[in-house]
Amino acid sequence: MKGMLDRLSGKEEEDQKSLTRYIKAIPLRSYEDVDLIKAEVRAGNVVICNVSPLAKTNIDDVKRGINELNDYVQEYNGDIARLGEERVIITPKNIRIWRNKT
């Protein structure tokens, strides 16, 4: 009965919306984008970050940003990994990146 009342009131739909997570592609254009990426991960979203826009102008900011993201996911219990030369994937605490150990 409670489930039916929740559906009629729209509560179940609201709960499902709050559980919706996204995979977002966010380019790293400036060091300040690191805060945006951290906010997305904190919200439960997976971020695929292309670092090449910032790498073309300031490789030191790329290194600093990746180090900050690495520290953040360790503290937050998320995960981070490279996807080739230009991209990294950052996940929230409830998602792990599978690494093939061959």
PDB file of N, CA and C in Angstrom:
ATOM      1  N   MET A   1       0.823  -1.197   0.000  1.00  0.00           N
ATOM      2  CA  MET A   1       0.000   0.000   0.000  1.00  0.00           C
ATOM      3  C   MET A   1       0.865   1.259   0.000  1.00  0.00           C
ATOM      4  N   LYS A   2       1.941   1.256   0.814  1.00  0.00           N
ATOM      5  CA  LYS A   2       2.815   2.427   0.881  1.00  0.00           C
ATOM      6  C   LYS A   2       3.434   2.725  -0.483  1.00  0.00           C
ATOM      7  N   GLY A   3       3.847   1.672  -1.205  1.00  0.00           N
ATOM      8  CA  GLY A   3       4.430   1.860  -2.534  1.00  0.00           C
ATOM      9  C   GLY A   3       3.459   2.526  -3.491  1.00  0.00           C
ATOM     10  N   MET A   4       2.175   2.131  -3.411  1.00  0.00           N
ATOM     11  CA  MET A   4       1.171   2.718  -4.281  1.00  0.00           C
ATOM     12  C   MET A   4       0.954   4.186  -3.916  1.00  0.00           C
ATOM     13  N   LEU A   5       0.916   4.493  -2.620  1.00  0.00           N
ATOM     14  CA  LEU A   5       0.746   5.882  -2.188  1.00  0.00           C
ATOM     15  C   LEU A   5       1.937   6.732  -2.614  1.00  0.00           C
ATOM     16  N   ASP A   6       3.138   6.167  -2.528  1.00  0.00           N
ATOM     17  CA  ASP A   6       4.325   6.899  -2.974  1.00  0.00           C
ATOM     18  C   ASP A   6       4.246   7.205  -4.465  1.00  0.00           C
ATOM     19  N   ARG A   7       3.790   6.218  -5.252  1.00  0.00           N
ATOM     20  CA  ARG A   7       3.667   6.441  -6.696  1.00  0.00           C
ATOM     21  C   ARG A   7       2.629   7.506  -6.994  1.00  0.00           C
ATOM     22  N   LEU A   8       1.512   7.468  -6.285  1.00  0.00           N
ATOM     23  CA  LEU A   8       0.462   8.456  -6.513  1.00  0.00           C
ATOM     24  C   LEU A   8       0.921   9.855  -6.119  1.00  0.00           C
ATOM     25  N   SER A   9       1.692   9.953  -5.062  1.00  0.00           N
ATOM     26  CA  SER A   9       2.142  11.269  -4.598  1.00  0.00           C
ATOM     27  C   SER A   9       3.357  11.775  -5.367  1.00  0.00           C
ATOM     28  N   GLY A  10       3.985  10.895  -6.168  1.00  0.00           N
ATOM     29  CA  GLY A  10       5.169  11.302  -6.919  1.00  0.00           C
ATOM     30  C   GLY A  10       6.451  11.134  -6.132  1.00  0.00           C
ATOM     31  N   LYS A  11       6.359  10.650  -4.884  1.00  0.00           N
ATOM     32  CA  LYS A  11       7.547  10.504  -4.041  1.00  0.00           C
ATOM     33  C   LYS A  11       8.523   9.496  -4.627  1.00  0.00           C
ATOM     34  N   GLU A  12       8.012   8.385  -5.151  1.00  0.00           N
ATOM     35  CA  GLU A  12       8.891   7.363  -5.722  1.00  0.00           C
ATOM     36  C   GLU A  12       9.683   7.934  -6.901  1.00  0.00           C
ATOM     37  N   GLU A  13       9.024   8.738  -7.721  1.00  0.00           N
ATOM     38  CA  GLU A  13       9.702   9.353  -8.868  1.00  0.00           C
ATOM     39  C   GLU A  13      10.791  10.316  -8.399  1.00  0.00           C
ATOM     40  N   GLU A  14      10.525  11.085  -7.345  1.00  0.00           N
ATOM     41  CA  GLU A  14      11.529  11.996  -6.796  1.00  0.00           C
ATOM     42  C   GLU A  14      12.733  11.224  -6.278  1.00  0.00           C
ATOM     43  N   ASP A  15      12.477  10.098  -5.590  1.00  0.00           N
ATOM     44  CA  ASP A  15      13.567   9.275  -5.072  1.00  0.00           C
ATOM     45  C   ASP A  15      14.424   8.735  -6.205  1.00  0.00           C
ATOM     46  N   GLN A  16      13.794   8.311  -7.300  1.00  0.00           N
ATOM     47  CA  GLN A  16      14.544   7.796  -8.441  1.00  0.00           C
ATOM     48  C   GLN A  16      15.380   8.897  -9.077  1.00  0.00           C
ATOM     49  N   LYS A  17      14.852  10.116  -9.163  1.00  0.00           N
ATOM     50  CA  LYS A  17      15.617  11.222  -9.730  1.00  0.00           C
ATOM     51  C   LYS A  17      16.851  11.519  -8.888  1.00  0.00           C
ATOM     52  N   SER A  18      16.709  11.435  -7.565  1.00  0.00           N
ATOM     53  CA  SER A  18      17.850  11.724  -6.700  1.00  0.00           C
ATOM     54  C   SER A  18      18.913  10.641  -6.809  1.00  0.00           C
ATOM     55  N   LEU A  19      18.541   9.449  -7.279  1.00  0.00           N
ATOM     56  CA  LEU A  19      19.493   8.361  -7.452  1.00  0.00           C
ATOM     57  C   LEU A  19      20.128   8.362  -8.839  1.00  0.00           C
ATOM     58  N   THR A  20      19.661   9.213  -9.732  1.00  0.00           N
ATOM     59  CA  THR A  20      20.197   9.252 -11.087  1.00  0.00           C
ATOM     60  C   THR A  20      21.622   9.779 -11.063  1.00  0.00           C
ATOM     61  N   ARG A  21      22.510   9.031 -11.688  1.00  0.00           N
ATOM     62  CA  ARG A  21      23.914   9.418 -11.803  1.00  0.00           C
ATOM     63  C   ARG A  21      24.248   9.540 -13.282  1.00  0.00           C
ATOM     64  N   TYR A  22      25.242  10.340 -13.586  1.00  0.00           N
ATOM     65  CA  TYR A  22      25.608  10.583 -14.976  1.00  0.00           C
ATOM     66  C   TYR A  22      27.079  10.301 -15.210  1.00  0.00           C
ATOM     67  N   ILE A  23      27.406  10.035 -16.450  1.00  0.00           N
ATOM     68  CA  ILE A  23      28.787  10.022 -16.914  1.00  0.00           C
ATOM     69  C   ILE A  23      28.943  11.308 -17.700  1.00  0.00           C
ATOM     70  N   LYS A  24      29.831  12.180 -17.239  1.00  0.00           N
ATOM     71  CA  LYS A  24      29.979  13.499 -17.851  1.00  0.00           C
ATOM     72  C   LYS A  24      31.379  13.671 -18.424  1.00  0.00           C
ATOM     73  N   ALA A  25      31.450  14.250 -19.599  1.00  0.00           N
ATOM     74  CA  ALA A  25      32.725  14.603 -20.216  1.00  0.00           C
ATOM     75  C   ALA A  25      32.977  16.078 -19.919  1.00  0.00           C
ATOM     76  N   ILE A  26      34.032  16.353 -19.184  1.00  0.00           N
ATOM     77  CA  ILE A  26      34.359  17.732 -18.811  1.00  0.00           C
ATOM     78  C   ILE A  26      35.810  18.001 -19.197  1.00  0.00           C
ATOM     79  N   PRO A  27      36.043  18.912 -20.141  1.00  0.00           N
ATOM     80  CA  PRO A  27      37.429  19.232 -20.499  1.00  0.00           C
ATOM     81  C   PRO A  27      38.084  20.089 -19.421  1.00  0.00           C
ATOM     82  N   LEU A  28      39.365  19.881 -19.240  1.00  0.00           N
ATOM     83  CA  LEU A  28      40.143  20.689 -18.299  1.00  0.00           C
ATOM     84  C   LEU A  28      40.743  21.847 -19.092  1.00  0.00           C
ATOM     85  N   ARG A  29      40.045  22.978 -19.084  1.00  0.00           N
ATOM     86  CA  ARG A  29      40.491  24.154 -19.846  1.00  0.00           C
ATOM     87  C   ARG A  29      41.334  25.095 -18.993  1.00  0.00           C
ATOM     88  N   SER A  30      41.076  25.069 -17.678  1.00  0.00           N
ATOM     89  CA  SER A  30      41.857  25.881 -16.752  1.00  0.00           C
ATOM     90  C   SER A  30      41.935  25.134 -15.425  1.00  0.00           C
ATOM     91  N   TYR A  31      42.862  25.550 -14.594  1.00  0.00           N
ATOM     92  CA  TYR A  31      43.028  24.897 -13.294  1.00  0.00           C
ATOM     93  C   TYR A  31      41.748  24.992 -12.463  1.00  0.00           C
ATOM     94  N   GLU A  32      40.983  26.050 -12.632  1.00  0.00           N
ATOM     95  CA  GLU A  32      39.749  26.244 -11.868  1.00  0.00           C
ATOM     96  C   GLU A  32      38.710  25.167 -12.174  1.00  0.00           C
ATOM     97  N   ASP A  33      38.813  24.488 -13.323  1.00  0.00           N
ATOM     98  CA  ASP A  33      37.868  23.422 -13.658  1.00  0.00           C
ATOM     99  C   ASP A  33      37.982  22.235 -12.706  1.00  0.00           C
ATOM    100  N   VAL A  34      39.072  22.132 -11.976  1.00  0.00           N
ATOM    101  CA  VAL A  34      39.250  21.042 -11.008  1.00  0.00           C
ATOM    102  C   VAL A  34      38.132  21.083  -9.963  1.00  0.00           C
ATOM    103  N   ASP A  35      37.744  22.270  -9.523  1.00  0.00           N
ATOM    104  CA  ASP A  35      36.662  22.383  -8.535  1.00  0.00           C
ATOM    105  C   ASP A  35      35.334  21.886  -9.100  1.00  0.00           C
ATOM    106  N   LEU A  36      35.065  22.167 -10.374  1.00  0.00           N
ATOM    107  CA  LEU A  36      33.852  21.680 -11.031  1.00  0.00           C
ATOM    108  C   LEU A  36      33.852  20.153 -11.091  1.00  0.00           C
ATOM    109  N   ILE A  37      34.991  19.578 -11.435  1.00  0.00           N
ATOM    110  CA  ILE A  37      35.110  18.119 -11.518  1.00  0.00           C
ATOM    111  C   ILE A  37      34.888  17.493 -10.144  1.00  0.00           C
ATOM    112  N   LYS A  38      35.487  18.069  -9.117  1.00  0.00           N
ATOM    113  CA  LYS A  38      35.298  17.543  -7.759  1.00  0.00           C
ATOM    114  C   LYS A  38      33.832  17.622  -7.340  1.00  0.00           C
ATOM    115  N   ALA A  39      33.151  18.695  -7.691  1.00  0.00           N
ATOM    116  CA  ALA A  39      31.732  18.841  -7.345  1.00  0.00           C
ATOM    117  C   ALA A  39      30.887  17.775  -8.042  1.00  0.00           C
ATOM    118  N   GLU A  40      31.203  17.480  -9.290  1.00  0.00           N
ATOM    119  CA  GLU A  40      30.454  16.444 -10.017  1.00  0.00           C
ATOM    120  C   GLU A  40      30.665  15.071  -9.388  1.00  0.00           C
ATOM    121  N   VAL A  41      31.899  14.771  -9.019  1.00  0.00           N
ATOM    122  CA  VAL A  41      32.198  13.483  -8.386  1.00  0.00           C
ATOM    123  C   VAL A  41      31.510  13.403  -7.027  1.00  0.00           C
ATOM    124  N   ARG A  42      31.537  14.494  -6.279  1.00  0.00           N
ATOM    125  CA  ARG A  42      30.865  14.545  -4.977  1.00  0.00           C
ATOM    126  C   ARG A  42      29.369  14.289  -5.135  1.00  0.00           C
ATOM    127  N   ALA A  43      28.792  14.726  -6.261  1.00  0.00           N
ATOM    128  CA  ALA A  43      27.365  14.519  -6.527  1.00  0.00           C
ATOM    129  C   ALA A  43      27.063  13.093  -6.991  1.00  0.00           C
ATOM    130  N   GLY A  44      28.107  12.276  -7.139  1.00  0.00           N
ATOM    131  CA  GLY A  44      27.904  10.883  -7.519  1.00  0.00           C
ATOM    132  C   GLY A  44      28.081  10.593  -8.990  1.00  0.00           C
ATOM    133  N   ASN A  45      28.527  11.572  -9.748  1.00  0.00           N
ATOM    134  CA  ASN A  45      28.701  11.392 -11.184  1.00  0.00           C
ATOM    135  C   ASN A  45      30.111  10.923 -11.526  1.00  0.00           C
ATOM    136  N   VAL A  46      30.225  10.214 -12.646  1.00  0.00           N
ATOM    137  CA  VAL A  46      31.514   9.798 -13.184  1.00  0.00           C
ATOM    138  C   VAL A  46      31.948  10.873 -14.175  1.00  0.00           C
ATOM    139  N   VAL A  47      33.213  11.285 -14.109  1.00  0.00           N
ATOM    140  CA  VAL A  47      33.714  12.325 -15.001  1.00  0.00           C
ATOM    141  C   VAL A  47      34.838  11.762 -15.859  1.00  0.00           C
ATOM    142  N   ILE A  48      34.713  11.969 -17.160  1.00  0.00           N
ATOM    143  CA  ILE A  48      35.798  11.691 -18.090  1.00  0.00           C
ATOM    144  C   ILE A  48      36.351  13.051 -18.480  1.00  0.00           C
ATOM    145  N   CYS A  49      37.605  13.265 -18.143  1.00  0.00           N
ATOM    146  CA  CYS A  49      38.219  14.582 -18.288  1.00  0.00           C
ATOM    147  C   CYS A  49      39.299  14.551 -19.364  1.00  0.00           C
ATOM    148  N   ASN A  50      39.147  15.404 -20.364  1.00  0.00           N
ATOM    149  CA  ASN A  50      40.159  15.572 -21.396  1.00  0.00           C
ATOM    150  C   ASN A  50      41.098  16.685 -20.934  1.00  0.00           C
ATOM    151  N   VAL A  51      42.370  16.355 -20.723  1.00  0.00           N
ATOM    152  CA  VAL A  51      43.325  17.331 -20.193  1.00  0.00           C
ATOM    153  C   VAL A  51      44.048  18.104 -21.290  1.00  0.00           C
ATOM    154  N   SER A  52      43.863  17.722 -22.556  1.00  0.00           N
ATOM    155  CA  SER A  52      44.639  18.350 -23.629  1.00  0.00           C
ATOM    156  C   SER A  52      44.393  19.853 -23.802  1.00  0.00           C
ATOM    157  N   PRO A  53      43.167  20.394 -23.572  1.00  0.00           N
ATOM    158  CA  PRO A  53      43.026  21.848 -23.714  1.00  0.00           C
ATOM    159  C   PRO A  53      43.970  22.635 -22.795  1.00  0.00           C
ATOM    160  N   LEU A  54      44.097  22.214 -21.544  1.00  0.00           N
ATOM    161  CA  LEU A  54      44.994  22.911 -20.620  1.00  0.00           C
ATOM    162  C   LEU A  54      46.451  22.547 -20.887  1.00  0.00           C
ATOM    163  N   ALA A  55      46.694  21.319 -21.320  1.00  0.00           N
ATOM    164  CA  ALA A  55      48.071  20.884 -21.589  1.00  0.00           C
ATOM    165  C   ALA A  55      48.712  21.714 -22.696  1.00  0.00           C
ATOM    166  N   LYS A  56      47.906  22.218 -23.613  1.00  0.00           N
ATOM    167  CA  LYS A  56      48.434  23.043 -24.711  1.00  0.00           C
ATOM    168  C   LYS A  56      48.945  24.387 -24.216  1.00  0.00           C
ATOM    169  N   THR A  57      48.436  24.836 -23.064  1.00  0.00           N
ATOM    170  CA  THR A  57      48.835  26.153 -22.562  1.00  0.00           C
ATOM    171  C   THR A  57      49.695  26.093 -21.303  1.00  0.00           C
ATOM    172  N   ASN A  58      49.441  25.096 -20.424  1.00  0.00           N
ATOM    173  CA  ASN A  58      50.181  25.074 -19.162  1.00  0.00           C
ATOM    174  C   ASN A  58      50.242  23.655 -18.591  1.00  0.00           C
ATOM    175  N   ILE A  59      51.282  22.936 -18.909  1.00  0.00           N
ATOM    176  CA  ILE A  59      51.421  21.547 -18.457  1.00  0.00           C
ATOM    177  C   ILE A  59      51.570  21.454 -16.936  1.00  0.00           C
ATOM    178  N   ASP A  60      52.155  22.482 -16.319  1.00  0.00           N
ATOM    179  CA  ASP A  60      52.289  22.477 -14.855  1.00  0.00           C
ATOM    180  C   ASP A  60      50.925  22.512 -14.167  1.00  0.00           C
ATOM    181  N   ASP A  61      49.978  23.279 -14.721  1.00  0.00           N
ATOM    182  CA  ASP A  61      48.627  23.306 -14.156  1.00  0.00           C
ATOM    183  C   ASP A  61      47.925  21.964 -14.339  1.00  0.00           C
ATOM    184  N   VAL A  62      48.216  21.267 -15.445  1.00  0.00           N
ATOM    185  CA  VAL A  62      47.649  19.929 -15.640  1.00  0.00           C
ATOM    186  C   VAL A  62      48.150  19.000 -14.544  1.00  0.00           C
ATOM    187  N   LYS A  63      49.449  18.997 -14.316  1.00  0.00           N
ATOM    188  CA  LYS A  63      50.030  18.132 -13.280  1.00  0.00           C
ATOM    189  C   LYS A  63      49.459  18.472 -11.907  1.00  0.00           C
ATOM    190  N   ARG A  64      49.377  19.756 -11.622  1.00  0.00           N
ATOM    191  CA  ARG A  64      48.841  20.202 -10.338  1.00  0.00           C
ATOM    192  C   ARG A  64      47.373  19.791 -10.184  1.00  0.00           C
ATOM    193  N   GLY A  65      46.594  19.949 -11.256  1.00  0.00           N
ATOM    194  CA  GLY A  65      45.181  19.580 -11.223  1.00  0.00           C
ATOM    195  C   GLY A  65      44.970  18.085 -11.042  1.00  0.00           C
ATOM    196  N   ILE A  66      45.749  17.276 -11.764  1.00  0.00           N
ATOM    197  CA  ILE A  66      45.629  15.819 -11.644  1.00  0.00           C
ATOM    198  C   ILE A  66      46.058  15.373 -10.248  1.00  0.00           C
ATOM    199  N   ASN A  67      47.110  15.974  -9.723  1.00  0.00           N
ATOM    200  CA  ASN A  67      47.532  15.646  -8.351  1.00  0.00           C
ATOM    201  C   ASN A  67      46.442  15.993  -7.339  1.00  0.00           C
ATOM    202  N   GLU A  68      45.798  17.139  -7.529  1.00  0.00           N
ATOM    203  CA  GLU A  68      44.723  17.534  -6.617  1.00  0.00           C
ATOM    204  C   GLU A  68      43.534  16.579  -6.726  1.00  0.00           C
ATOM    205  N   LEU A  69      43.191  16.175  -7.953  1.00  0.00           N
ATOM    206  CA  LEU A  69      42.099  15.218  -8.136  1.00  0.00           C
ATOM    207  C   LEU A  69      42.451  13.866  -7.526  1.00  0.00           C
ATOM    208  N   ASN A  70      43.701  13.450  -7.683  1.00  0.00           N
ATOM    209  CA  ASN A  70      44.150  12.189  -7.094  1.00  0.00           C
ATOM    210  C   ASN A  70      44.035  12.236  -5.568  1.00  0.00           C
ATOM    211  N   ASP A  71      44.493  13.323  -4.965  1.00  0.00           N
ATOM    212  CA  ASP A  71      44.366  13.485  -3.509  1.00  0.00           C
ATOM    213  C   ASP A  71      42.896  13.492  -3.085  1.00  0.00           C
ATOM    214  N   TYR A  72      42.067  14.162  -3.882  1.00  0.00           N
ATOM    215  CA  TYR A  72      40.642  14.263  -3.562  1.00  0.00           C
ATOM    216  C   TYR A  72      39.973  12.893  -3.567  1.00  0.00           C
ATOM    217  N   VAL A  73      40.206  12.096  -4.621  1.00  0.00           N
ATOM    218  CA  VAL A  73      39.529  10.796  -4.686  1.00  0.00           C
ATOM    219  C   VAL A  73      40.041   9.844  -3.609  1.00  0.00           C
ATOM    220  N   GLN A  74      41.295   9.979  -3.211  1.00  0.00           N
ATOM    221  CA  GLN A  74      41.793   9.149  -2.111  1.00  0.00           C
ATOM    222  C   GLN A  74      41.091   9.516  -0.807  1.00  0.00           C
ATOM    223  N   GLU A  75      40.928  10.810  -0.576  1.00  0.00           N
ATOM    224  CA  GLU A  75      40.247  11.273   0.636  1.00  0.00           C
ATOM    225  C   GLU A  75      38.763  10.915   0.607  1.00  0.00           C
ATOM    226  N   TYR A  76      38.156  11.035  -0.554  1.00  0.00           N
ATOM    227  CA  TYR A  76      36.716  10.811  -0.728  1.00  0.00           C
ATOM    228  C   TYR A  76      36.400   9.335  -0.966  1.00  0.00           C
ATOM    229  N   ASN A  77      37.431   8.511  -1.132  1.00  0.00           N
ATOM    230  CA  ASN A  77      37.298   7.073  -1.406  1.00  0.00           C
ATOM    231  C   ASN A  77      36.721   6.798  -2.788  1.00  0.00           C
ATOM    232  N   GLY A  78      37.060   7.670  -3.750  1.00  0.00           N
ATOM    233  CA  GLY A  78      36.674   7.457  -5.138  1.00  0.00           C
ATOM    234  C   GLY A  78      37.788   6.727  -5.872  1.00  0.00           C
ATOM    235  N   ASP A  79      37.846   6.917  -7.199  1.00  0.00           N
ATOM    236  CA  ASP A  79      38.877   6.264  -7.997  1.00  0.00           C
ATOM    237  C   ASP A  79      39.226   7.154  -9.179  1.00  0.00           C
ATOM    238  N   ILE A  80      40.452   7.010  -9.675  1.00  0.00           N
ATOM    239  CA  ILE A  80      40.922   7.794 -10.811  1.00  0.00           C
ATOM    240  C   ILE A  80      41.884   6.932 -11.620  1.00  0.00           C
ATOM    241  N   ALA A  81      41.814   7.066 -12.952  1.00  0.00           N
ATOM    242  CA  ALA A  81      42.716   6.306 -13.817  1.00  0.00           C
ATOM    243  C   ALA A  81      42.872   7.031 -15.151  1.00  0.00           C
ATOM    244  N   ARG A  82      44.005   6.782 -15.791  1.00  0.00           N
ATOM    245  CA  ARG A  82      44.234   7.338 -17.126  1.00  0.00           C
ATOM    246  C   ARG A  82      43.453   6.556 -18.159  1.00  0.00           C
ATOM    247  N   LEU A  83      42.985   7.263 -19.161  1.00  0.00           N
ATOM    248  CA  LEU A  83      42.381   6.658 -20.346  1.00  0.00           C
ATOM    249  C   LEU A  83      43.193   7.162 -21.539  1.00  0.00           C
ATOM    250  N   GLY A  84      44.301   6.547 -21.810  1.00  0.00           N
ATOM    251  CA  GLY A  84      45.165   7.011 -22.888  1.00  0.00           C
ATOM    252  C   GLY A  84      46.007   8.191 -22.450  1.00  0.00           C
ATOM    253  N   GLU A  85      46.463   8.958 -23.419  1.00  0.00           N
ATOM    254  CA  GLU A  85      47.366  10.080 -23.150  1.00  0.00           C
ATOM    255  C   GLU A  85      46.648  11.360 -22.739  1.00  0.00           C
ATOM    256  N   GLU A  86      45.396  11.526 -23.161  1.00  0.00           N
ATOM    257  CA  GLU A  86      44.730  12.819 -22.995  1.00  0.00           C
ATOM    258  C   GLU A  86      43.573  12.832 -22.000  1.00  0.00           C
ATOM    259  N   ARG A  87      43.173  11.674 -21.515  1.00  0.00           N
ATOM    260  CA  ARG A  87      41.974  11.634 -20.673  1.00  0.00           C
ATOM    261  C   ARG A  87      42.221  10.891 -19.365  1.00  0.00           C
ATOM    262  N   VAL A  88      41.454  11.282 -18.359  1.00  0.00           N
ATOM    263  CA  VAL A  88      41.398  10.546 -17.096  1.00  0.00           C
ATOM    264  C   VAL A  88      39.927  10.343 -16.758  1.00  0.00           C
ATOM    265  N   ILE A  89      39.661   9.291 -16.012  1.00  0.00           N
ATOM    266  CA  ILE A  89      38.307   9.028 -15.534  1.00  0.00           C
ATOM    267  C   ILE A  89      38.337   9.120 -14.015  1.00  0.00           C
ATOM    268  N   ILE A  90      37.356   9.823 -13.461  1.00  0.00           N
ATOM    269  CA  ILE A  90      37.266  10.026 -12.021  1.00  0.00           C
ATOM    270  C   ILE A  90      35.889   9.519 -11.589  1.00  0.00           C
ATOM    271  N   THR A  91      35.873   8.649 -10.578  1.00  0.00           N
ATOM    272  CA  THR A  91      34.609   8.058 -10.143  1.00  0.00           C
ATOM    273  C   THR A  91      34.334   8.369  -8.674  1.00  0.00           C
ATOM    274  N   PRO A  92      33.051   8.379  -8.307  1.00  0.00           N
ATOM    275  CA  PRO A  92      32.695   8.577  -6.898  1.00  0.00           C
ATOM    276  C   PRO A  92      32.969   7.330  -6.077  1.00  0.00           C
ATOM    277  N   LYS A  93      32.704   7.426  -4.793  1.00  0.00           N
ATOM    278  CA  LYS A  93      33.078   6.370  -3.852  1.00  0.00           C
ATOM    279  C   LYS A  93      32.391   5.037  -4.084  1.00  0.00           C
ATOM    280  N   ASN A  94      31.267   4.994  -4.725  1.00  0.00           N
ATOM    281  CA  ASN A  94      30.561   3.728  -4.896  1.00  0.00           C
ATOM    282  C   ASN A  94      30.854   3.050  -6.237  1.00  0.00           C
ATOM    283  N   ILE A  95      31.806   3.577  -7.004  1.00  0.00           N
ATOM    284  CA  ILE A  95      32.161   3.002  -8.306  1.00  0.00           C
ATOM    285  C   ILE A  95      33.667   2.808  -8.369  1.00  0.00           C
ATOM    286  N   ARG A  96      34.084   1.614  -8.746  1.00  0.00           N
ATOM    287  CA  ARG A  96      35.507   1.292  -8.882  1.00  0.00           C
ATOM    288  C   ARG A  96      35.867   1.102 -10.347  1.00  0.00           C
ATOM    289  N   ILE A  97      37.099   1.405 -10.683  1.00  0.00           N
ATOM    290  CA  ILE A  97      37.626   1.208 -12.032  1.00  0.00           C
ATOM    291  C   ILE A  97      38.336  -0.140 -12.058  1.00  0.00           C
ATOM    292  N   TRP A  98      37.925  -0.993 -12.971  1.00  0.00           N
ATOM    293  CA  TRP A  98      38.554  -2.305 -13.107  1.00  0.00           C
ATOM    294  C   TRP A  98      39.877  -2.135 -13.833  1.00  0.00           C
ATOM    295  N   ARG A  99      40.914  -2.699 -13.260  1.00  0.00           N
ATOM    296  CA  ARG A  99      42.246  -2.637 -13.857  1.00  0.00           C
ATOM    297  C   ARG A  99      42.700  -4.060 -14.142  1.00  0.00           C
ATOM    298  N   ASN A 100      42.990  -4.338 -15.401  1.00  0.00           N
ATOM    299  CA  ASN A 100      43.440  -5.663 -15.802  1.00  0.00           C
ATOM    300  C   ASN A 100      44.910  -5.811 -15.448  1.00  0.00           C
ATOM    301  N   LYS A 101      45.203  -6.660 -14.520  1.00  0.00           N
ATOM    302  CA  LYS A 101      46.584  -6.889 -14.074  1.00  0.00           C
ATOM    303  C   LYS A 101      47.139  -8.089 -14.835  1.00  0.00           C
ATOM    304  N   THR A 102      47.809  -7.832 -15.955  1.00  0.00           N
ATOM    305  CA  THR A 102      48.372  -8.938 -16.746  1.00  0.00           C
ATOM    306  C   THR A 102      49.865  -8.997 -16.637  1.00  0.00           C
TER     307      THR A 102
END
